[in-house]
Protein backbone atom coordinates (compact mmCIF):
# COMPACT_ATOMS: atom_id res chain seq x y z
CA MET A 1 -50.41 -71.00 -35.16
CA ARG A 2 -51.68 -74.50 -35.73
CA ILE A 3 -48.87 -76.96 -36.47
CA LEU A 4 -49.41 -80.52 -37.69
CA LEU A 5 -46.53 -82.92 -36.97
CA ALA A 6 -46.64 -85.83 -39.43
CA TRP A 7 -44.97 -89.24 -39.14
CA GLU A 8 -45.98 -91.92 -41.65
CA LEU A 9 -43.21 -94.50 -42.27
CA GLY A 10 -40.52 -96.26 -40.24
CA GLY A 11 -40.63 -97.79 -36.79
CA GLY A 12 -39.27 -97.44 -33.27
CA LEU A 13 -39.09 -94.39 -31.01
CA GLY A 14 -36.71 -92.30 -33.09
CA HIS A 15 -39.15 -90.54 -35.41
CA MET A 16 -41.48 -89.59 -32.59
CA SER A 17 -38.62 -88.53 -30.33
CA ILE A 18 -37.60 -85.85 -32.84
CA LEU A 19 -41.14 -84.53 -33.12
CA VAL A 20 -41.70 -84.54 -29.36
CA ARG A 21 -38.72 -82.23 -28.85
CA VAL A 22 -40.16 -79.84 -31.41
CA ALA A 23 -43.69 -80.07 -30.00
CA ARG A 24 -42.57 -79.17 -26.50
CA ARG A 25 -40.90 -76.02 -27.75
CA LEU A 26 -43.88 -75.11 -29.95
CA ARG A 27 -46.22 -75.44 -26.98
CA LEU A 28 -43.99 -73.18 -24.89
CA ARG A 29 -44.51 -70.56 -27.60
CA GLU A 30 -48.31 -71.15 -27.27
CA HIS A 31 -48.85 -72.83 -30.63
CA ASP A 32 -51.59 -75.44 -31.15
CA VAL A 33 -50.00 -78.81 -31.96
CA LEU A 34 -51.50 -82.01 -33.36
CA PHE A 35 -49.58 -85.22 -34.14
CA ALA A 36 -50.58 -87.49 -37.04
CA VAL A 37 -48.70 -90.71 -36.33
CA LYS A 38 -48.05 -94.09 -37.86
CA ASP A 39 -48.10 -95.95 -34.53
CA VAL A 40 -50.61 -94.87 -31.89
CA GLY A 41 -48.99 -97.27 -29.42
CA THR A 42 -45.74 -95.30 -29.60
CA ALA A 43 -47.74 -92.08 -29.42
CA HIS A 44 -49.49 -93.33 -26.28
CA LEU A 45 -46.12 -94.10 -24.71
CA LEU A 46 -44.57 -90.72 -25.50
CA LEU A 47 -47.46 -88.24 -25.72
CA ASP A 48 -50.27 -89.11 -23.30
CA ALA A 49 -48.42 -88.10 -20.15
CA GLU A 50 -47.64 -84.69 -21.67
CA GLY A 51 -51.16 -84.04 -22.89
CA PHE A 52 -50.39 -83.82 -26.60
CA ARG A 53 -53.19 -84.69 -29.00
CA TYR A 54 -52.63 -87.27 -31.73
CA VAL A 55 -54.52 -89.10 -34.47
CA GLN A 56 -53.76 -92.08 -36.67
CA CYS A 57 -52.19 -90.91 -39.91
CA PRO A 58 -53.51 -92.12 -43.31
CA GLN A 59 -52.10 -95.52 -44.18
CA THR A 60 -52.49 -98.21 -46.81
CA GLN A 61 -53.99 -101.47 -45.65
CA GLY A 62 -53.69 -104.98 -47.01
CA SER A 63 -50.93 -104.16 -49.49
CA ALA A 64 -48.89 -107.00 -50.89
CA LYS A 65 -45.76 -107.97 -49.05
CA ARG A 66 -42.57 -106.59 -50.52
CA LYS A 67 -40.99 -109.16 -52.80
CA LYS A 68 -37.46 -107.90 -52.24
CA GLU A 69 -35.59 -105.49 -50.03
CA PRO A 70 -35.53 -101.90 -51.31
CA ALA A 71 -32.49 -100.92 -53.32
CA GLY A 72 -33.20 -97.20 -53.10
CA PHE A 73 -35.64 -94.68 -51.72
CA ALA A 74 -37.91 -94.99 -54.75
CA ASP A 75 -38.48 -98.64 -53.81
CA ILE A 76 -39.61 -97.55 -50.34
CA LEU A 77 -42.04 -95.08 -51.88
CA ALA A 78 -43.34 -97.73 -54.27
CA GLY A 79 -43.99 -100.07 -51.33
CA ALA A 80 -45.82 -97.29 -49.48
CA GLY A 81 -48.47 -96.78 -52.17
CA PHE A 82 -46.60 -94.54 -54.61
CA ALA A 83 -46.70 -97.15 -57.38
CA ASP A 84 -50.53 -97.21 -57.48
CA SER A 85 -52.44 -94.07 -58.46
CA ARG A 86 -55.58 -95.27 -56.69
CA VAL A 87 -53.78 -95.89 -53.42
CA LEU A 88 -51.76 -92.67 -53.50
CA SER A 89 -54.87 -90.69 -54.42
CA GLY A 90 -56.61 -92.10 -51.35
CA LEU A 91 -53.68 -91.26 -49.10
CA VAL A 92 -53.48 -87.72 -50.43
CA ARG A 93 -57.23 -87.19 -50.07
CA SER A 94 -57.10 -88.50 -46.50
CA TRP A 95 -54.33 -86.05 -45.60
CA GLN A 96 -56.26 -83.24 -47.25
CA ASN A 97 -59.31 -84.15 -45.18
CA LEU A 98 -57.16 -83.98 -42.06
CA PHE A 99 -55.83 -80.59 -43.14
CA GLY A 100 -59.41 -79.45 -43.55
CA LEU A 101 -60.42 -80.62 -40.09
CA PHE A 102 -57.41 -79.20 -38.24
CA GLY A 103 -56.59 -76.24 -40.44
CA PRO A 104 -52.80 -76.25 -40.01
CA ASP A 105 -50.77 -73.15 -40.78
CA ALA A 106 -47.77 -75.41 -41.38
CA VAL A 107 -46.93 -79.11 -41.50
CA VAL A 108 -43.68 -80.59 -40.17
CA ILE A 109 -42.80 -83.70 -42.21
CA GLN A 110 -40.86 -86.49 -40.50
CA TYR A 111 -40.76 -89.49 -42.87
CA ALA A 112 -44.25 -88.72 -44.18
CA PRO A 113 -43.99 -88.68 -47.99
CA SER A 114 -47.70 -88.80 -48.85
CA ALA A 115 -48.32 -85.95 -46.38
CA LEU A 116 -45.67 -84.01 -48.29
CA VAL A 117 -47.44 -84.61 -51.60
CA ALA A 118 -50.77 -83.58 -50.06
CA ALA A 119 -49.36 -80.43 -48.47
CA ARG A 120 -47.82 -79.22 -51.71
CA LEU A 121 -51.05 -79.86 -53.60
CA SER A 122 -53.09 -78.08 -50.93
CA GLY A 123 -50.76 -75.12 -50.60
CA VAL A 124 -50.07 -75.86 -46.93
CA PRO A 125 -46.51 -74.76 -46.04
CA CYS A 126 -44.40 -77.78 -45.13
CA LEU A 127 -41.03 -78.18 -43.47
CA GLY A 128 -39.07 -81.39 -43.85
CA LEU A 129 -37.20 -82.41 -40.70
CA HIS A 130 -35.08 -85.36 -41.71
CA THR A 131 -32.38 -87.51 -40.14
CA GLY A 132 -30.90 -87.88 -43.61
CA PHE A 133 -32.26 -91.22 -44.77
CA GLU A 134 -35.75 -89.88 -45.48
CA ALA A 135 -34.38 -87.09 -47.73
CA PRO A 136 -32.07 -88.47 -50.42
CA PRO A 137 -29.83 -85.94 -52.16
CA GLU A 138 -31.08 -84.17 -55.26
CA ASN A 139 -29.70 -86.78 -57.63
CA GLU A 140 -31.22 -88.76 -60.46
CA PRO A 141 -31.46 -91.57 -59.65
CA PHE A 142 -31.42 -91.58 -55.85
CA PRO A 143 -28.41 -93.40 -54.35
CA CYS A 144 -28.59 -97.17 -54.12
CA PHE A 145 -28.77 -98.51 -50.54
CA ARG A 146 -27.30 -101.84 -51.52
CA PRO A 147 -24.35 -101.23 -53.85
CA TRP A 148 -23.42 -104.91 -53.73
CA LEU A 149 -26.46 -105.62 -55.95
CA GLY A 150 -24.64 -103.98 -58.86
CA LEU A 151 -27.80 -102.30 -60.19
CA THR A 152 -27.39 -100.10 -63.23
CA ARG A 153 -28.50 -96.47 -63.40
CA GLU A 154 -31.27 -97.48 -65.82
CA LYS A 155 -32.55 -100.15 -63.45
CA LEU A 156 -32.78 -97.65 -60.58
CA LEU A 157 -34.53 -95.16 -62.84
CA GLU A 158 -37.22 -97.70 -63.73
CA THR A 159 -38.77 -97.50 -60.27
CA GLU A 160 -38.30 -93.74 -60.07
CA ARG A 161 -40.24 -93.30 -63.32
CA VAL A 162 -43.12 -95.38 -61.99
CA VAL A 163 -43.27 -93.43 -58.73
CA LEU A 164 -42.90 -90.07 -60.42
CA GLY A 165 -45.61 -91.00 -62.92
CA THR A 166 -47.99 -91.80 -60.08
CA ILE A 167 -47.28 -88.50 -58.33
CA ASN A 168 -47.77 -86.59 -61.57
CA ASP A 169 -51.06 -88.40 -62.21
CA ILE A 170 -52.34 -87.20 -58.85
CA ARG A 171 -51.13 -83.68 -59.45
CA LYS A 172 -52.83 -83.63 -62.85
CA LEU A 173 -56.12 -84.67 -61.25
CA HIS A 174 -55.78 -81.66 -58.94
CA GLY A 175 -54.94 -79.29 -61.79
CA SER A 176 -51.27 -78.94 -60.87
CA ALA A 177 -48.22 -79.26 -63.07
CA GLY A 178 -46.07 -82.36 -62.82
CA PHE A 179 -42.39 -82.74 -62.10
CA SER A 180 -39.62 -83.94 -64.38
CA ARG A 181 -37.57 -85.60 -61.62
CA LEU A 182 -38.50 -87.49 -58.48
CA TRP A 183 -36.28 -85.46 -56.16
CA GLN A 184 -38.24 -82.35 -57.16
CA ALA A 185 -41.50 -84.00 -56.08
CA MET A 186 -40.03 -84.97 -52.70
CA LYS A 187 -38.94 -81.47 -51.65
CA CYS A 188 -40.73 -79.54 -48.92
CA ASP A 189 -40.84 -75.75 -48.87
CA SER A 190 -37.89 -75.94 -46.50
CA ASN A 191 -35.74 -79.02 -45.88
CA LEU A 192 -33.57 -79.40 -42.79
CA LEU A 193 -31.29 -82.28 -41.85
CA ALA A 194 -31.58 -83.01 -38.14
CA THR A 195 -28.27 -84.83 -38.01
CA PHE A 196 -24.54 -84.17 -38.12
CA PRO A 197 -22.69 -84.36 -41.44
CA GLU A 198 -20.73 -87.33 -40.07
CA PHE A 199 -23.98 -89.31 -39.72
CA ASP A 200 -25.69 -88.37 -42.95
CA HIS A 201 -26.80 -91.68 -44.46
CA TYR A 202 -25.80 -90.31 -47.86
CA GLN A 203 -22.16 -89.39 -47.47
CA GLY A 204 -20.93 -86.87 -50.00
CA ARG A 205 -24.18 -84.91 -50.12
CA THR A 206 -23.74 -81.31 -51.28
CA GLY A 207 -25.95 -78.41 -50.23
CA GLY A 208 -27.46 -80.12 -47.19
CA ARG A 209 -28.72 -77.82 -44.41
CA TYR A 210 -27.54 -79.61 -41.26
CA ILE A 211 -28.93 -78.33 -37.96
CA GLY A 212 -27.65 -81.15 -35.70
CA SER A 213 -29.39 -84.16 -34.19
CA LEU A 214 -32.50 -83.89 -32.03
CA PHE A 215 -32.99 -86.70 -29.54
CA MET A 216 -34.39 -87.44 -26.08
CA ASN A 217 -31.82 -88.44 -23.46
CA ASP A 218 -33.34 -86.85 -20.35
CA ASP A 219 -36.52 -88.94 -20.36
CA GLY A 220 -36.99 -92.31 -18.69
CA VAL A 221 -36.15 -94.06 -15.46
CA ASP A 222 -32.97 -93.37 -13.51
CA ILE A 223 -30.70 -96.40 -13.19
CA ARG A 224 -27.30 -96.27 -11.54
CA TRP A 225 -24.28 -98.16 -12.76
CA PRO A 226 -23.70 -101.42 -10.84
CA ASP A 227 -20.68 -101.40 -8.53
CA GLY A 228 -17.48 -103.08 -9.60
CA GLY A 229 -16.29 -104.11 -13.03
CA ASP A 230 -13.38 -103.07 -15.22
CA PHE A 231 -15.47 -100.82 -17.49
CA ARG A 232 -19.06 -99.66 -17.91
CA ALA A 233 -21.12 -100.71 -20.92
CA PHE A 234 -24.55 -99.53 -22.02
CA VAL A 235 -26.70 -101.87 -24.12
CA TYR A 236 -29.82 -100.91 -26.07
CA VAL A 237 -31.04 -103.80 -28.23
CA LYS A 238 -34.25 -105.60 -29.07
CA PRO A 239 -34.86 -108.90 -27.28
CA ASP A 240 -33.90 -111.77 -29.56
CA SER A 241 -31.66 -114.82 -29.68
CA GLY A 242 -28.53 -112.67 -29.57
CA THR A 243 -29.38 -110.68 -26.45
CA THR A 244 -28.06 -113.24 -23.99
CA LEU A 245 -24.83 -113.60 -25.97
CA ILE A 246 -24.27 -109.83 -25.91
CA LEU A 247 -24.79 -109.50 -22.16
CA LYS A 248 -22.86 -112.65 -21.30
CA THR A 249 -19.88 -111.57 -23.40
CA LEU A 250 -19.73 -108.17 -21.68
CA LEU A 251 -20.03 -109.67 -18.21
CA GLU A 252 -17.32 -112.24 -18.90
CA ARG A 253 -15.05 -109.43 -20.13
CA GLY A 254 -15.53 -107.72 -16.75
CA ALA A 255 -18.10 -105.04 -17.60
CA SER A 256 -20.69 -103.42 -15.39
CA VAL A 257 -23.75 -103.35 -17.64
CA VAL A 258 -26.93 -101.30 -17.84
CA ALA A 259 -29.24 -102.64 -20.54
CA PHE A 260 -32.40 -101.18 -22.06
CA ILE A 261 -34.21 -104.10 -23.71
CA PRO A 262 -37.73 -102.93 -24.63
CA GLY A 263 -40.33 -105.66 -24.51
CA HIS A 264 -38.19 -108.29 -22.78
CA ASN A 265 -40.17 -110.71 -20.63
CA GLY A 266 -37.68 -111.10 -17.80
CA GLU A 267 -36.24 -114.41 -19.02
CA THR A 268 -32.89 -112.87 -19.96
CA LYS A 269 -32.68 -111.17 -16.60
CA HIS A 270 -33.38 -114.48 -14.84
CA VAL A 271 -30.87 -116.49 -16.88
CA LEU A 272 -28.10 -113.91 -16.43
CA ARG A 273 -28.70 -112.88 -12.85
CA HIS A 274 -25.53 -110.99 -11.98
CA ALA A 275 -24.45 -108.29 -9.54
CA ARG A 276 -22.93 -106.26 -12.40
CA LEU A 277 -26.04 -106.32 -14.60
CA ARG A 278 -29.15 -104.16 -14.55
CA ILE A 279 -31.86 -104.61 -17.17
CA SER A 280 -34.85 -102.39 -17.83
CA SER A 281 -37.74 -102.79 -20.27
CA ALA A 282 -38.63 -99.13 -19.72
CA ARG A 283 -36.75 -96.24 -21.28
CA ILE A 284 -33.64 -95.27 -19.35
CA ARG A 285 -32.50 -91.72 -18.68
CA LEU A 286 -29.39 -91.85 -20.82
CA SER A 287 -27.99 -88.49 -19.73
CA SER A 288 -27.24 -89.78 -16.21
CA LEU A 289 -25.21 -92.72 -17.59
CA LEU A 290 -23.21 -90.97 -20.31
CA PRO A 291 -20.53 -89.27 -18.13
CA ASP A 292 -19.19 -92.61 -16.88
CA MET A 293 -19.89 -94.76 -19.94
CA ASP A 294 -16.92 -96.55 -21.53
CA LEU A 295 -18.61 -98.56 -24.28
CA SER A 296 -22.02 -98.91 -25.94
CA VAL A 297 -23.85 -101.62 -27.85
CA THR A 298 -26.84 -100.58 -29.99
CA HIS A 299 -28.58 -101.30 -33.26
CA ALA A 300 -27.29 -97.91 -34.49
CA ASN A 301 -30.58 -96.08 -34.10
CA HIS A 302 -29.99 -92.47 -35.00
CA GLY A 303 -30.99 -90.65 -31.80
CA THR A 304 -29.06 -92.86 -29.40
CA LEU A 305 -26.07 -92.91 -31.74
CA SER A 306 -26.05 -89.11 -31.75
CA ALA A 307 -26.11 -88.90 -27.95
CA LEU A 308 -23.25 -91.40 -27.69
CA PHE A 309 -21.28 -89.54 -30.37
CA LEU A 310 -21.56 -86.22 -28.53
CA ALA A 311 -20.42 -87.91 -25.31
CA GLY A 312 -17.39 -89.52 -26.96
CA VAL A 313 -18.45 -93.11 -26.26
CA PRO A 314 -16.97 -95.87 -28.48
CA MET A 315 -19.62 -98.08 -30.08
CA VAL A 316 -20.40 -101.59 -31.16
CA THR A 317 -23.30 -101.50 -33.61
CA ILE A 318 -25.53 -104.41 -34.60
CA PRO A 319 -27.73 -103.06 -37.41
CA THR A 320 -31.15 -104.57 -38.06
CA THR A 321 -32.31 -102.26 -40.88
CA ILE A 322 -30.70 -100.73 -43.94
CA GLU A 323 -30.78 -97.30 -42.26
CA GLN A 324 -28.85 -98.67 -39.29
CA TRP A 325 -26.42 -100.46 -41.57
CA MET A 326 -25.68 -97.16 -43.33
CA LEU A 327 -25.02 -95.48 -39.98
CA SER A 328 -22.84 -98.40 -38.91
CA VAL A 329 -20.70 -97.78 -41.97
CA CYS A 330 -20.30 -94.18 -40.79
CA VAL A 331 -19.22 -95.35 -37.31
CA LYS A 332 -16.54 -97.60 -38.78
CA ARG A 333 -15.36 -94.93 -41.20
CA LEU A 334 -15.01 -92.41 -38.36
CA GLY A 335 -12.93 -94.87 -36.34
CA ILE A 336 -15.15 -94.62 -33.25
CA GLY A 337 -16.46 -98.14 -33.20
CA MET A 338 -17.08 -101.47 -34.89
CA SER A 339 -20.06 -103.19 -36.44
CA CYS A 340 -21.27 -106.79 -36.21
CA MET A 341 -23.69 -108.70 -38.41
CA ARG A 342 -26.53 -110.34 -36.49
CA ASN A 343 -25.94 -113.72 -38.14
CA LYS A 344 -22.28 -113.61 -37.13
CA LEU A 345 -22.62 -112.42 -33.54
CA PRO A 346 -20.99 -115.46 -31.88
CA THR A 347 -17.68 -114.73 -33.61
CA GLU A 348 -17.82 -111.01 -34.41
CA PHE A 349 -19.22 -109.57 -31.17
CA PRO A 350 -16.59 -110.93 -28.74
CA GLN A 351 -13.85 -109.79 -31.14
CA ALA A 352 -15.36 -106.30 -31.38
CA VAL A 353 -15.61 -105.94 -27.60
CA GLU A 354 -12.05 -107.14 -27.16
CA ARG A 355 -10.72 -104.65 -29.69
CA LEU A 356 -12.62 -101.70 -28.23
CA CYS A 357 -11.32 -102.59 -24.76
CA ALA A 358 -7.73 -103.25 -25.83
CA GLU A 359 -7.11 -100.56 -28.46
CA THR A 360 -7.10 -96.99 -27.15
CA ALA A 361 -7.46 -95.55 -30.65
CA PHE A 362 -11.25 -95.95 -30.57
CA GLN A 363 -11.60 -94.06 -27.29
CA GLU A 364 -9.19 -91.36 -28.39
CA GLU A 365 -10.92 -90.79 -31.71
CA ALA A 366 -14.39 -90.81 -30.11
CA ALA A 367 -13.22 -88.18 -27.60
CA ARG A 368 -11.63 -86.10 -30.35
CA ARG A 369 -14.79 -86.14 -32.45
CA ALA A 370 -16.95 -85.23 -29.46
CA ALA A 371 -14.70 -82.27 -28.64
CA LEU A 372 -15.42 -80.83 -32.09
CA TYR A 373 -19.07 -80.46 -31.05
CA ALA A 374 -18.47 -79.23 -27.50
CA GLY A 375 -20.62 -76.17 -28.20
CA TYR A 376 -23.62 -78.07 -29.53
CA ASP A 377 -26.84 -77.08 -27.73
CA GLN A 378 -30.13 -78.76 -28.62
CA GLY A 379 -32.09 -76.01 -26.88
CA HIS A 380 -30.57 -73.37 -29.12
CA VAL A 381 -31.25 -75.49 -32.21
CA LEU A 382 -34.88 -75.99 -31.18
CA ASP A 383 -35.40 -72.26 -30.61
CA ARG A 384 -34.13 -71.46 -34.08
CA LEU A 385 -36.13 -74.32 -35.58
CA VAL A 386 -39.38 -73.08 -34.04
CA THR A 387 -38.64 -69.59 -35.35
CA THR A 388 -38.20 -71.10 -38.82
CA ILE A 389 -41.57 -72.87 -38.51
CA GLU A 390 -43.23 -69.65 -37.34
CA ARG A 391 -41.90 -67.75 -40.34
CA LEU A 392 -42.64 -70.49 -42.86
CA PRO A 393 -46.22 -69.48 -43.83
CA GLU A 394 -45.27 -65.90 -44.64
CA TRP A 395 -42.10 -66.92 -46.43
CA SER A 396 -44.02 -69.55 -48.40
CA ARG A 397 -46.63 -67.01 -49.50
CA ASN A 398 -43.95 -64.56 -50.59
CA THR A 399 -41.98 -67.11 -52.60
CA ARG A 400 -44.70 -69.38 -54.00
CA ASP A 401 -44.24 -68.01 -57.48
CA ALA A 402 -40.49 -67.54 -57.20
CA THR A 403 -37.84 -70.00 -58.30
CA SER A 404 -35.90 -69.91 -55.03
CA SER A 405 -36.30 -72.91 -52.75
CA GLU A 406 -34.15 -71.57 -49.93
CA PRO A 407 -35.53 -70.70 -46.48
CA PRO A 408 -35.41 -67.17 -45.02
CA ALA A 409 -31.88 -65.76 -45.22
CA ASP A 410 -31.46 -65.20 -41.48
CA GLU A 411 -32.32 -68.86 -40.88
CA ASP A 412 -29.91 -70.20 -43.48
CA ARG A 413 -27.07 -71.35 -41.26
CA ARG A 414 -25.27 -74.63 -41.56
CA THR A 415 -24.37 -76.58 -38.48
CA ASN A 416 -20.72 -76.13 -37.58
CA ARG A 417 -18.73 -78.24 -35.20
CA LYS A 418 -18.38 -75.53 -32.58
CA GLY A 419 -21.92 -74.17 -32.77
CA ASN A 420 -25.42 -74.83 -33.96
CA GLY A 421 -27.62 -74.07 -36.90
CA ALA A 422 -31.26 -74.20 -37.85
C-alpha cells in the first residue's frame, strides 16, 4: 500500500512525532510511505536520518495576519483559508494533484484539514489521527476555547456558517453534495484520538475513540542526571526571558536539573554555570531520565506531557498556546501538577515549585494515575493502528454508500486504563 501522512497546521515536534511512530511501523510492514509536511525543517530533523521521503504540503501564502486570537476551531479554519473559496479551492486542488502524483491508497490526517476536504472529494480513504484539539466533538457550534470571552452561541455559529459555506462551495464545484453542519465536513472515514481521556482538550466528549498517546521518548542524546541535589527536575521549554528564572529557581531549591532548550545559544548555560545543571539544545532521550525524575517543567506539549503522565511525574506547566493552556487545565484538574502564566512567572513559578516539593499529594496522585495505565503499550497500539490503516480502503469501499461512520468492528475498541485500543 501507498500511505500519505499529512501534517498541515500547528508547530513544534509533536505533530511529526506522532506520524514518525506510525511511519516506522508501516515501513516494517513494507508499505510505501510519503510525508506531506508543513515544516520541512522539522521534517529534515526527524526524517532524513531514517530515509523517509517528504514534500512540502500545500499552504496559503501572504494571508492577512489574524486580527484576534481564535475563539473556537472554526476560527482556526477561517485563518487557514477556509473563509475564502478561492484559497480553499487552490489548497484542495494542490492536494488532489499530490494524490495524483503519489497515488495513495489511504491518507493519515494529522492536523491537515484541507487535506481532509480534498481526500473526501477525491474518494481517497482517510484516517484522522488526532491528539484531541484538532478534532472537536460533534457539536454545533464547536466548543469555545476562551470561555472568558462570553461569546454567544449565535456568535460562534457566525464563523462556522462562513467556513461551512466555503467548504460546500468547493464541493458543489466538484459535483458533490454539501453538509448541513461543520462537524460533518470535518470527519474522516475513521477518526481516532491518539490521547488519553484525561488529556482530551475537550473534556466531556462522548463517543470518542481513544487509542492512547503516541510519542517519541527513546530518541535523542543520552544525558545523565547531575550528581547531588535534593530532587531531580526535567525542564523542556523554549529559550526566552523566563528560561533563566526557571532554572535559577530550581537550582536554588536544591534540584539537579536536566534541561532541553531547543535553539538556545549557550548564553543561559554560561550565565548559570552550575554542577547540578545540564543543558542541551538537542533532543534528549527522555526514557532514560523518567525512572528517577521527581518533577518536570514544560509548556504542556502533548507528547511530553503523556510520557510524564505515564511515568507518574508531577508537573509544572507554562502554556504558550491555547492548546497547551487547555492541557494545563487538565493537569490541574487531575491534581498532578500546577500551571503558571508566562507573564506571572516571577511570582507563580517559585510558589508552584515549592508546593510540588512540599506537598506529597501531587506525587501520590501522579503515581496513582500512572498505575491505572500500567499496561499501556505503544507498540501494541501501533500494531493495531497499522492494521486499521491497512483495512481502511476495503472498509471505505464497502461502506461508501452506507450511513455508518464507524470503523471495522474488530478494530472498534476504546482505550482502557489497563490495556490499549486502536
